[in-house]
Amino acid sequence: MDSRPYRIRALMLAIAVVAAGGGASAFARDHDDARRAVEAGEIRPLAEILTSIKGRLPGEVVGIKLEHEAGAWMYELRVVDGNGRLFEIHVDAHSGEVERTKEK
């Protein structure tokens, strides 16, 4: 599978975070936390997660966040379906299991 579309989306997301006022230092800190978590085996790499759940998503991924909530790492995916509906999908960053899906 070609991971370029996901890399481009990740880059676009990074640019959006900085442009929205998150600042370069906030992005760098988040990026470093994510890298350390992957290296420590606490979470699976984003590309691996996206590959494993691709067929279960209702549309195209348009945004991604990595959050540490209630002691667990979660990927929060924003997905838009063919009808323009927006979904928020929470995926356990360690197991890759879809925890919840909510239409926004």
PDB file of N, CA and C in Angstrom:
ATOM      1  N   MET A   1       0.834  -1.181   0.000  1.00  0.00           N
ATOM      2  CA  MET A   1       0.000   0.000   0.000  1.00  0.00           C
ATOM      3  C   MET A   1       0.877   1.242   0.000  1.00  0.00           C
ATOM      4  N   ASP A   2       0.505   2.198  -0.782  1.00  0.00           N
ATOM      5  CA  ASP A   2       1.229   3.458  -0.874  1.00  0.00           C
ATOM      6  C   ASP A   2       0.816   4.353   0.283  1.00  0.00           C
ATOM      7  N   SER A   3       1.746   4.742   1.144  1.00  0.00           N
ATOM      8  CA  SER A   3       1.406   5.549   2.320  1.00  0.00           C
ATOM      9  C   SER A   3       1.514   7.048   2.051  1.00  0.00           C
ATOM     10  N   ARG A   4       1.816   7.439   0.823  1.00  0.00           N
ATOM     11  CA  ARG A   4       1.945   8.866   0.513  1.00  0.00           C
ATOM     12  C   ARG A   4       0.696   9.688   0.829  1.00  0.00           C
ATOM     13  N   PRO A   5      -0.511   9.205   0.495  1.00  0.00           N
ATOM     14  CA  PRO A   5      -1.685  10.030   0.829  1.00  0.00           C
ATOM     15  C   PRO A   5      -1.800  10.308   2.326  1.00  0.00           C
ATOM     16  N   TYR A   6      -1.466   9.317   3.155  1.00  0.00           N
ATOM     17  CA  TYR A   6      -1.521   9.516   4.602  1.00  0.00           C
ATOM     18  C   TYR A   6      -0.436  10.477   5.064  1.00  0.00           C
ATOM     19  N   ARG A   7       0.739  10.399   4.463  1.00  0.00           N
ATOM     20  CA  ARG A   7       1.832  11.325   4.822  1.00  0.00           C
ATOM     21  C   ARG A   7       1.461  12.751   4.440  1.00  0.00           C
ATOM     22  N   ILE A   8       0.855  12.903   3.285  1.00  0.00           N
ATOM     23  CA  ILE A   8       0.437  14.241   2.850  1.00  0.00           C
ATOM     24  C   ILE A   8      -0.614  14.787   3.805  1.00  0.00           C
ATOM     25  N   ARG A   9      -1.580  13.948   4.178  1.00  0.00           N
ATOM     26  CA  ARG A   9      -2.612  14.389   5.127  1.00  0.00           C
ATOM     27  C   ARG A   9      -2.000  14.751   6.469  1.00  0.00           C
ATOM     28  N   ALA A  10      -1.037  13.950   6.932  1.00  0.00           N
ATOM     29  CA  ALA A  10      -0.389  14.245   8.213  1.00  0.00           C
ATOM     30  C   ALA A  10       0.354  15.577   8.142  1.00  0.00           C
ATOM     31  N   LEU A  11       1.016  15.837   7.028  1.00  0.00           N
ATOM     32  CA  LEU A  11       1.716  17.103   6.860  1.00  0.00           C
ATOM     33  C   LEU A  11       0.723  18.260   6.841  1.00  0.00           C
ATOM     34  N   MET A  12      -0.391  18.072   6.132  1.00  0.00           N
ATOM     35  CA  MET A  12      -1.410  19.119   6.084  1.00  0.00           C
ATOM     36  C   MET A  12      -1.974  19.378   7.478  1.00  0.00           C
ATOM     37  N   LEU A  13      -2.162  18.327   8.262  1.00  0.00           N
ATOM     38  CA  LEU A  13      -2.663  18.475   9.624  1.00  0.00           C
ATOM     39  C   LEU A  13      -1.657  19.234  10.477  1.00  0.00           C
ATOM     40  N   ALA A  14      -0.387  18.925  10.321  1.00  0.00           N
ATOM     41  CA  ALA A  14       0.651  19.619  11.081  1.00  0.00           C
ATOM     42  C   ALA A  14       0.664  21.105  10.745  1.00  0.00           C
ATOM     43  N   ILE A  15       0.539  21.414   9.485  1.00  0.00           N
ATOM     44  CA  ILE A  15       0.509  22.817   9.062  1.00  0.00           C
ATOM     45  C   ILE A  15      -0.715  23.510   9.648  1.00  0.00           C
ATOM     46  N   ALA A  16      -1.853  22.828   9.643  1.00  0.00           N
ATOM     47  CA  ALA A  16      -3.081  23.414  10.191  1.00  0.00           C
ATOM     48  C   ALA A  16      -2.951  23.683  11.683  1.00  0.00           C
ATOM     49  N   VAL A  17      -2.303  22.786  12.413  1.00  0.00           N
ATOM     50  CA  VAL A  17      -2.120  22.977  13.860  1.00  0.00           C
ATOM     51  C   VAL A  17      -1.280  24.215  14.117  1.00  0.00           C
ATOM     52  N   VAL A  18      -0.199  24.356  13.393  1.00  0.00           N
ATOM     53  CA  VAL A  18       0.670  25.519  13.574  1.00  0.00           C
ATOM     54  C   VAL A  18      -0.058  26.790  13.154  1.00  0.00           C
ATOM     55  N   ALA A  19      -0.759  26.750  12.025  1.00  0.00           N
ATOM     56  CA  ALA A  19      -1.467  27.934  11.531  1.00  0.00           C
ATOM     57  C   ALA A  19      -2.608  28.341  12.459  1.00  0.00           C
ATOM     58  N   ALA A  20      -3.197  27.376  13.153  1.00  0.00           N
ATOM     59  CA  ALA A  20      -4.321  27.667  14.040  1.00  0.00           C
ATOM     60  C   ALA A  20      -3.869  28.230  15.377  1.00  0.00           C
ATOM     61  N   GLY A  21      -2.587  28.397  15.541  1.00  0.00           N
ATOM     62  CA  GLY A  21      -2.096  29.003  16.781  1.00  0.00           C
ATOM     63  C   GLY A  21      -1.547  28.001  17.765  1.00  0.00           C
ATOM     64  N   GLY A  22      -1.489  26.733  17.369  1.00  0.00           N
ATOM     65  CA  GLY A  22      -0.914  25.727  18.253  1.00  0.00           C
ATOM     66  C   GLY A  22       0.565  25.986  18.479  1.00  0.00           C
ATOM     67  N   GLY A  23       1.180  26.672  17.533  1.00  0.00           N
ATOM     68  CA  GLY A  23       2.580  27.038  17.644  1.00  0.00           C
ATOM     69  C   GLY A  23       3.500  25.878  17.361  1.00  0.00           C
ATOM     70  N   ALA A  24       4.676  26.214  16.885  1.00  0.00           N
ATOM     71  CA  ALA A  24       5.656  25.191  16.536  1.00  0.00           C
ATOM     72  C   ALA A  24       6.090  24.405  17.756  1.00  0.00           C
ATOM     73  N   SER A  25       6.224  25.071  18.912  1.00  0.00           N
ATOM     74  CA  SER A  25       6.692  24.348  20.091  1.00  0.00           C
ATOM     75  C   SER A  25       5.645  23.354  20.570  1.00  0.00           C
ATOM     76  N   ALA A  26       4.339  23.703  20.485  1.00  0.00           N
ATOM     77  CA  ALA A  26       3.284  22.775  20.884  1.00  0.00           C
ATOM     78  C   ALA A  26       3.279  21.568  19.959  1.00  0.00           C
ATOM     79  N   PHE A  27       3.420  21.798  18.655  1.00  0.00           N
ATOM     80  CA  PHE A  27       3.444  20.686  17.713  1.00  0.00           C
ATOM     81  C   PHE A  27       4.659  19.807  17.960  1.00  0.00           C
ATOM     82  N   ALA A  28       5.818  20.411  18.172  1.00  0.00           N
ATOM     83  CA  ALA A  28       7.042  19.637  18.385  1.00  0.00           C
ATOM     84  C   ALA A  28       6.912  18.771  19.634  1.00  0.00           C
ATOM     85  N   ARG A  29       6.325  19.329  20.682  1.00  0.00           N
ATOM     86  CA  ARG A  29       6.163  18.572  21.926  1.00  0.00           C
ATOM     87  C   ARG A  29       5.220  17.388  21.683  1.00  0.00           C
ATOM     88  N   ASP A  30       4.096  17.618  21.002  1.00  0.00           N
ATOM     89  CA  ASP A  30       3.166  16.543  20.708  1.00  0.00           C
ATOM     90  C   ASP A  30       3.809  15.488  19.821  1.00  0.00           C
ATOM     91  N   HIS A  31       4.544  15.937  18.829  1.00  0.00           N
ATOM     92  CA  HIS A  31       5.220  15.013  17.920  1.00  0.00           C
ATOM     93  C   HIS A  31       6.240  14.168  18.685  1.00  0.00           C
ATOM     94  N   ASP A  32       7.002  14.799  19.555  1.00  0.00           N
ATOM     95  CA  ASP A  32       7.998  14.071  20.346  1.00  0.00           C
ATOM     96  C   ASP A  32       7.333  13.055  21.272  1.00  0.00           C
ATOM     97  N   ASP A  33       6.220  13.442  21.896  1.00  0.00           N
ATOM     98  CA  ASP A  33       5.486  12.512  22.762  1.00  0.00           C
ATOM     99  C   ASP A  33       5.013  11.300  21.973  1.00  0.00           C
ATOM    100  N   ALA A  34       4.471  11.546  20.788  1.00  0.00           N
ATOM    101  CA  ALA A  34       3.982  10.458  19.943  1.00  0.00           C
ATOM    102  C   ALA A  34       5.125   9.547  19.509  1.00  0.00           C
ATOM    103  N   ARG A  35       6.233  10.140  19.098  1.00  0.00           N
ATOM    104  CA  ARG A  35       7.387   9.339  18.674  1.00  0.00           C
ATOM    105  C   ARG A  35       7.893   8.462  19.816  1.00  0.00           C
ATOM    106  N   ARG A  36       7.988   9.047  21.013  1.00  0.00           N
ATOM    107  CA  ARG A  36       8.449   8.277  22.177  1.00  0.00           C
ATOM    108  C   ARG A  36       7.479   7.135  22.502  1.00  0.00           C
ATOM    109  N   ALA A  37       6.183   7.409  22.405  1.00  0.00           N
ATOM    110  CA  ALA A  37       5.187   6.373  22.694  1.00  0.00           C
ATOM    111  C   ALA A  37       5.284   5.221  21.698  1.00  0.00           C
ATOM    112  N   VAL A  38       5.515   5.524  20.424  1.00  0.00           N
ATOM    113  CA  VAL A  38       5.693   4.476  19.414  1.00  0.00           C
ATOM    114  C   VAL A  38       6.955   3.677  19.716  1.00  0.00           C
ATOM    115  N   GLU A  39       8.054   4.374  19.985  1.00  0.00           N
ATOM    116  CA  GLU A  39       9.329   3.695  20.262  1.00  0.00           C
ATOM    117  C   GLU A  39       9.256   2.821  21.511  1.00  0.00           C
ATOM    118  N   ALA A  40       8.462   3.240  22.501  1.00  0.00           N
ATOM    119  CA  ALA A  40       8.322   2.476  23.743  1.00  0.00           C
ATOM    120  C   ALA A  40       7.318   1.336  23.611  1.00  0.00           C
ATOM    121  N   GLY A  41       6.642   1.253  22.460  1.00  0.00           N
ATOM    122  CA  GLY A  41       5.662   0.200  22.251  1.00  0.00           C
ATOM    123  C   GLY A  41       4.322   0.477  22.920  1.00  0.00           C
ATOM    124  N   GLU A  42       4.119   1.707  23.375  1.00  0.00           N
ATOM    125  CA  GLU A  42       2.853   2.071  24.015  1.00  0.00           C
ATOM    126  C   GLU A  42       1.734   2.215  22.992  1.00  0.00           C
ATOM    127  N   ILE A  43       2.087   2.648  21.780  1.00  0.00           N
ATOM    128  CA  ILE A  43       1.106   2.830  20.710  1.00  0.00           C
ATOM    129  C   ILE A  43       1.655   2.251  19.418  1.00  0.00           C
ATOM    130  N   ARG A  44       0.733   1.972  18.506  1.00  0.00           N
ATOM    131  CA  ARG A  44       1.130   1.529  17.169  1.00  0.00           C
ATOM    132  C   ARG A  44       1.260   2.757  16.279  1.00  0.00           C
ATOM    133  N   PRO A  45       2.142   2.713  15.290  1.00  0.00           N
ATOM    134  CA  PRO A  45       2.294   3.842  14.374  1.00  0.00           C
ATOM    135  C   PRO A  45       0.976   4.130  13.652  1.00  0.00           C
ATOM    136  N   LEU A  46       0.742   5.402  13.377  1.00  0.00           N
ATOM    137  CA  LEU A  46      -0.493   5.827  12.730  1.00  0.00           C
ATOM    138  C   LEU A  46      -0.722   5.092  11.408  1.00  0.00           C
ATOM    139  N   ALA A  47       0.294   4.957  10.588  1.00  0.00           N
ATOM    140  CA  ALA A  47       0.132   4.285   9.288  1.00  0.00           C
ATOM    141  C   ALA A  47      -0.370   2.856   9.478  1.00  0.00           C
ATOM    142  N   GLU A  48       0.122   2.186  10.492  1.00  0.00           N
ATOM    143  CA  GLU A  48      -0.302   0.814  10.787  1.00  0.00           C
ATOM    144  C   GLU A  48      -1.777   0.782  11.210  1.00  0.00           C
ATOM    145  N   ILE A  49      -2.163   1.730  12.055  1.00  0.00           N
ATOM    146  CA  ILE A  49      -3.554   1.825  12.508  1.00  0.00           C
ATOM    147  C   ILE A  49      -4.473   2.083  11.315  1.00  0.00           C
ATOM    148  N   LEU A  50      -4.119   3.061  10.479  1.00  0.00           N
ATOM    149  CA  LEU A  50      -4.966   3.403   9.326  1.00  0.00           C
ATOM    150  C   LEU A  50      -5.117   2.223   8.371  1.00  0.00           C
ATOM    151  N   THR A  51      -4.050   1.488   8.167  1.00  0.00           N
ATOM    152  CA  THR A  51      -4.106   0.324   7.294  1.00  0.00           C
ATOM    153  C   THR A  51      -5.044  -0.735   7.874  1.00  0.00           C
ATOM    154  N   SER A  52      -4.973  -0.959   9.181  1.00  0.00           N
ATOM    155  CA  SER A  52      -5.761  -2.029   9.790  1.00  0.00           C
ATOM    156  C   SER A  52      -7.257  -1.714   9.857  1.00  0.00           C
ATOM    157  N   ILE A  53      -7.646  -0.437   9.913  1.00  0.00           N
ATOM    158  CA  ILE A  53      -9.070  -0.103  10.038  1.00  0.00           C
ATOM    159  C   ILE A  53      -9.675   0.494   8.770  1.00  0.00           C
ATOM    160  N   LYS A  54      -8.889   0.595   7.735  1.00  0.00           N
ATOM    161  CA  LYS A  54      -9.322   1.263   6.502  1.00  0.00           C
ATOM    162  C   LYS A  54     -10.702   0.794   6.022  1.00  0.00           C
ATOM    163  N   GLY A  55     -10.950  -0.473   5.970  1.00  0.00           N
ATOM    164  CA  GLY A  55     -12.208  -1.010   5.475  1.00  0.00           C
ATOM    165  C   GLY A  55     -13.391  -0.765   6.385  1.00  0.00           C
ATOM    166  N   ARG A  56     -13.139  -0.377   7.625  1.00  0.00           N
ATOM    167  CA  ARG A  56     -14.224  -0.144   8.589  1.00  0.00           C
ATOM    168  C   ARG A  56     -14.598   1.327   8.713  1.00  0.00           C
ATOM    169  N   LEU A  57     -13.890   2.202   8.002  1.00  0.00           N
ATOM    170  CA  LEU A  57     -14.182   3.628   8.076  1.00  0.00           C
ATOM    171  C   LEU A  57     -15.308   3.987   7.114  1.00  0.00           C
ATOM    172  N   PRO A  58     -16.202   4.900   7.520  1.00  0.00           N
ATOM    173  CA  PRO A  58     -17.324   5.261   6.665  1.00  0.00           C
ATOM    174  C   PRO A  58     -16.969   6.230   5.536  1.00  0.00           C
ATOM    175  N   GLY A  59     -15.713   6.644   5.454  1.00  0.00           N
ATOM    176  CA  GLY A  59     -15.330   7.605   4.422  1.00  0.00           C
ATOM    177  C   GLY A  59     -13.846   7.899   4.462  1.00  0.00           C
ATOM    178  N   GLU A  60     -13.492   9.131   4.103  1.00  0.00           N
ATOM    179  CA  GLU A  60     -12.097   9.549   3.993  1.00  0.00           C
ATOM    180  C   GLU A  60     -11.641  10.291   5.254  1.00  0.00           C
ATOM    181  N   VAL A  61     -10.446   9.945   5.721  1.00  0.00           N
ATOM    182  CA  VAL A  61      -9.868  10.602   6.890  1.00  0.00           C
ATOM    183  C   VAL A  61      -9.433  12.010   6.487  1.00  0.00           C
ATOM    184  N   VAL A  62      -9.929  13.009   7.227  1.00  0.00           N
ATOM    185  CA  VAL A  62      -9.588  14.406   6.926  1.00  0.00           C
ATOM    186  C   VAL A  62      -8.870  15.076   8.095  1.00  0.00           C
ATOM    187  N   GLY A  63      -8.781  14.410   9.230  1.00  0.00           N
ATOM    188  CA  GLY A  63      -8.082  14.976  10.377  1.00  0.00           C
ATOM    189  C   GLY A  63      -7.742  13.886  11.372  1.00  0.00           C
ATOM    190  N   ILE A  64      -6.626  14.101  12.074  1.00  0.00           N
ATOM    191  CA  ILE A  64      -6.154  13.107  13.033  1.00  0.00           C
ATOM    192  C   ILE A  64      -5.574  13.823  14.243  1.00  0.00           C
ATOM    193  N   LYS A  65      -5.911  13.318  15.428  1.00  0.00           N
ATOM    194  CA  LYS A  65      -5.294  13.786  16.666  1.00  0.00           C
ATOM    195  C   LYS A  65      -4.885  12.563  17.459  1.00  0.00           C
ATOM    196  N   LEU A  66      -3.824  12.702  18.221  1.00  0.00           N
ATOM    197  CA  LEU A  66      -3.422  11.667  19.163  1.00  0.00           C
ATOM    198  C   LEU A  66      -3.589  12.269  20.545  1.00  0.00           C
ATOM    199  N   GLU A  67      -4.400  11.614  21.369  1.00  0.00           N
ATOM    200  CA  GLU A  67      -4.680  12.135  22.702  1.00  0.00           C
ATOM    201  C   GLU A  67      -4.378  11.078  23.753  1.00  0.00           C
ATOM    202  N   HIS A  68      -3.984  11.550  24.912  1.00  0.00           N
ATOM    203  CA  HIS A  68      -3.781  10.669  26.055  1.00  0.00           C
ATOM    204  C   HIS A  68      -4.903  10.986  27.027  1.00  0.00           C
ATOM    205  N   GLU A  69      -5.913  10.108  27.078  1.00  0.00           N
ATOM    206  CA  GLU A  69      -7.079  10.370  27.920  1.00  0.00           C
ATOM    207  C   GLU A  69      -7.359   9.167  28.816  1.00  0.00           C
ATOM    208  N   ALA A  70      -7.615   9.464  30.079  1.00  0.00           N
ATOM    209  CA  ALA A  70      -7.930   8.426  31.072  1.00  0.00           C
ATOM    210  C   ALA A  70      -6.875   7.328  31.093  1.00  0.00           C
ATOM    211  N   GLY A  71      -5.616   7.729  30.966  1.00  0.00           N
ATOM    212  CA  GLY A  71      -4.515   6.775  31.045  1.00  0.00           C
ATOM    213  C   GLY A  71      -4.269   5.957  29.789  1.00  0.00           C
ATOM    214  N   ALA A  72      -4.996   6.256  28.711  1.00  0.00           N
ATOM    215  CA  ALA A  72      -4.829   5.488  27.470  1.00  0.00           C
ATOM    216  C   ALA A  72      -4.617   6.435  26.296  1.00  0.00           C
ATOM    217  N   TRP A  73      -3.797   5.999  25.348  1.00  0.00           N
ATOM    218  CA  TRP A  73      -3.587   6.757  24.120  1.00  0.00           C
ATOM    219  C   TRP A  73      -4.708   6.425  23.152  1.00  0.00           C
ATOM    220  N   MET A  74      -5.271   7.468  22.536  1.00  0.00           N
ATOM    221  CA  MET A  74      -6.343   7.296  21.562  1.00  0.00           C
ATOM    222  C   MET A  74      -6.037   8.127  20.319  1.00  0.00           C
ATOM    223  N   TYR A  75      -6.235   7.510  19.148  1.00  0.00           N
ATOM    224  CA  TYR A  75      -6.220   8.280  17.913  1.00  0.00           C
ATOM    225  C   TYR A  75      -7.651   8.751  17.700  1.00  0.00           C
ATOM    226  N   GLU A  76      -7.830  10.032  17.450  1.00  0.00           N
ATOM    227  CA  GLU A  76      -9.142  10.577  17.119  1.00  0.00           C
ATOM    228  C   GLU A  76      -9.114  10.926  15.642  1.00  0.00           C
ATOM    229  N   LEU A  77      -9.919  10.225  14.865  1.00  0.00           N
ATOM    230  CA  LEU A  77      -9.956  10.434  13.428  1.00  0.00           C
ATOM    231  C   LEU A  77     -11.212  11.209  13.073  1.00  0.00           C
ATOM    232  N   ARG A  78     -11.071  12.199  12.221  1.00  0.00           N
ATOM    233  CA  ARG A  78     -12.214  12.905  11.643  1.00  0.00           C
ATOM    234  C   ARG A  78     -12.382  12.325  10.250  1.00  0.00           C
ATOM    235  N   VAL A  79     -13.578  11.828   9.961  1.00  0.00           N
ATOM    236  CA  VAL A  79     -13.846  11.144   8.701  1.00  0.00           C
ATOM    237  C   VAL A  79     -15.088  11.762   8.060  1.00  0.00           C
ATOM    238  N   VAL A  80     -15.005  12.041   6.757  1.00  0.00           N
ATOM    239  CA  VAL A  80     -16.143  12.565   6.004  1.00  0.00           C
ATOM    240  C   VAL A  80     -16.586  11.488   5.019  1.00  0.00           C
ATOM    241  N   ASP A  81     -17.900  11.191   5.060  1.00  0.00           N
ATOM    242  CA  ASP A  81     -18.412  10.169   4.137  1.00  0.00           C
ATOM    243  C   ASP A  81     -18.829  10.798   2.805  1.00  0.00           C
ATOM    244  N   GLY A  82     -19.323   9.985   1.887  1.00  0.00           N
ATOM    245  CA  GLY A  82     -19.698  10.434   0.553  1.00  0.00           C
ATOM    246  C   GLY A  82     -20.850  11.432   0.536  1.00  0.00           C
ATOM    247  N   ASN A  83     -21.601  11.501   1.633  1.00  0.00           N
ATOM    248  CA  ASN A  83     -22.722  12.442   1.729  1.00  0.00           C
ATOM    249  C   ASN A  83     -22.335  13.721   2.465  1.00  0.00           C
ATOM    250  N   GLY A  84     -21.054  13.841   2.808  1.00  0.00           N
ATOM    251  CA  GLY A  84     -20.582  15.040   3.491  1.00  0.00           C
ATOM    252  C   GLY A  84     -20.768  15.024   5.000  1.00  0.00           C
ATOM    253  N   ARG A  85     -21.201  13.898   5.561  1.00  0.00           N
ATOM    254  CA  ARG A  85     -21.367  13.802   7.012  1.00  0.00           C
ATOM    255  C   ARG A  85     -20.005  13.622   7.675  1.00  0.00           C
ATOM    256  N   LEU A  86     -19.831  14.276   8.812  1.00  0.00           N
ATOM    257  CA  LEU A  86     -18.578  14.217   9.560  1.00  0.00           C
ATOM    258  C   LEU A  86     -18.718  13.247  10.723  1.00  0.00           C
ATOM    259  N   PHE A  87     -17.739  12.370  10.857  1.00  0.00           N
ATOM    260  CA  PHE A  87     -17.703  11.408  11.953  1.00  0.00           C
ATOM    261  C   PHE A  87     -16.425  11.600  12.751  1.00  0.00           C
ATOM    262  N   GLU A  88     -16.533  11.362  14.044  1.00  0.00           N
ATOM    263  CA  GLU A  88     -15.373  11.353  14.937  1.00  0.00           C
ATOM    264  C   GLU A  88     -15.217   9.906  15.394  1.00  0.00           C
ATOM    265  N   ILE A  89     -14.069   9.325  15.090  1.00  0.00           N
ATOM    266  CA  ILE A  89     -13.839   7.919  15.394  1.00  0.00           C
ATOM    267  C   ILE A  89     -12.640   7.821  16.328  1.00  0.00           C
ATOM    268  N   HIS A  90     -12.847   7.204  17.489  1.00  0.00           N
ATOM    269  CA  HIS A  90     -11.784   7.037  18.478  1.00  0.00           C
ATOM    270  C   HIS A  90     -11.249   5.615  18.380  1.00  0.00           C
ATOM    271  N   VAL A  91      -9.931   5.522  18.221  1.00  0.00           N
ATOM    272  CA  VAL A  91      -9.274   4.231  18.054  1.00  0.00           C
ATOM    273  C   VAL A  91      -8.218   4.081  19.138  1.00  0.00           C
ATOM    274  N   ASP A  92      -8.254   2.967  19.852  1.00  0.00           N
ATOM    275  CA  ASP A  92      -7.237   2.674  20.857  1.00  0.00           C
ATOM    276  C   ASP A  92      -5.886   2.601  20.146  1.00  0.00           C
ATOM    277  N   ALA A  93      -4.956   3.471  20.523  1.00  0.00           N
ATOM    278  CA  ALA A  93      -3.677   3.583  19.818  1.00  0.00           C
ATOM    279  C   ALA A  93      -2.763   2.398  20.070  1.00  0.00           C
ATOM    280  N   HIS A  94      -3.050   1.614  21.092  1.00  0.00           N
ATOM    281  CA  HIS A  94      -2.219   0.435  21.374  1.00  0.00           C
ATOM    282  C   HIS A  94      -2.766  -0.804  20.654  1.00  0.00           C
ATOM    283  N   SER A  95      -4.058  -1.040  20.792  1.00  0.00           N
ATOM    284  CA  SER A  95      -4.644  -2.258  20.217  1.00  0.00           C
ATOM    285  C   SER A  95      -5.120  -2.086  18.784  1.00  0.00           C
ATOM    286  N   GLY A  96      -5.449  -0.842  18.412  1.00  0.00           N
ATOM    287  CA  GLY A  96      -5.994  -0.594  17.082  1.00  0.00           C
ATOM    288  C   GLY A  96      -7.492  -0.828  17.003  1.00  0.00           C
ATOM    289  N   GLU A  97      -8.129  -1.092  18.135  1.00  0.00           N
ATOM    290  CA  GLU A  97      -9.573  -1.327  18.153  1.00  0.00           C
ATOM    291  C   GLU A  97     -10.336  -0.014  18.102  1.00  0.00           C
ATOM    292  N   VAL A  98     -11.390   0.015  17.295  1.00  0.00           N
ATOM    293  CA  VAL A  98     -12.270   1.184  17.236  1.00  0.00           C
ATOM    294  C   VAL A  98     -13.094   1.166  18.516  1.00  0.00           C
ATOM    295  N   GLU A  99     -12.942   2.218  19.330  1.00  0.00           N
ATOM    296  CA  GLU A  99     -13.632   2.295  20.619  1.00  0.00           C
ATOM    297  C   GLU A  99     -15.024   2.903  20.486  1.00  0.00           C
ATOM    298  N   ARG A 100     -15.136   3.956  19.690  1.00  0.00           N
ATOM    299  CA  ARG A 100     -16.444   4.591  19.511  1.00  0.00           C
ATOM    300  C   ARG A 100     -16.436   5.423  18.231  1.00  0.00           C
ATOM    301  N   THR A 101     -17.632   5.566  17.677  1.00  0.00           N
ATOM    302  CA  THR A 101     -17.850   6.372  16.483  1.00  0.00           C
ATOM    303  C   THR A 101     -19.042   7.269  16.762  1.00  0.00           C
ATOM    304  N   LYS A 102     -18.883   8.543  16.435  1.00  0.00           N
ATOM    305  CA  LYS A 102     -19.956   9.495  16.678  1.00  0.00           C
ATOM    306  C   LYS A 102     -20.075  10.422  15.474  1.00  0.00           C
ATOM    307  N   GLU A 103     -21.313  10.584  15.001  1.00  0.00           N
ATOM    308  CA  GLU A 103     -21.533  11.546  13.924  1.00  0.00           C
ATOM    309  C   GLU A 103     -21.577  12.931  14.541  1.00  0.00           C
ATOM    310  N   LYS A 104     -20.882  13.880  13.924  1.00  0.00           N
ATOM    311  CA  LYS A 104     -20.823  15.252  14.440  1.00  0.00           C
ATOM    312  C   LYS A 104     -21.855  16.125  13.802  1.00  0.00           C
TER     313      LYS A 104
END
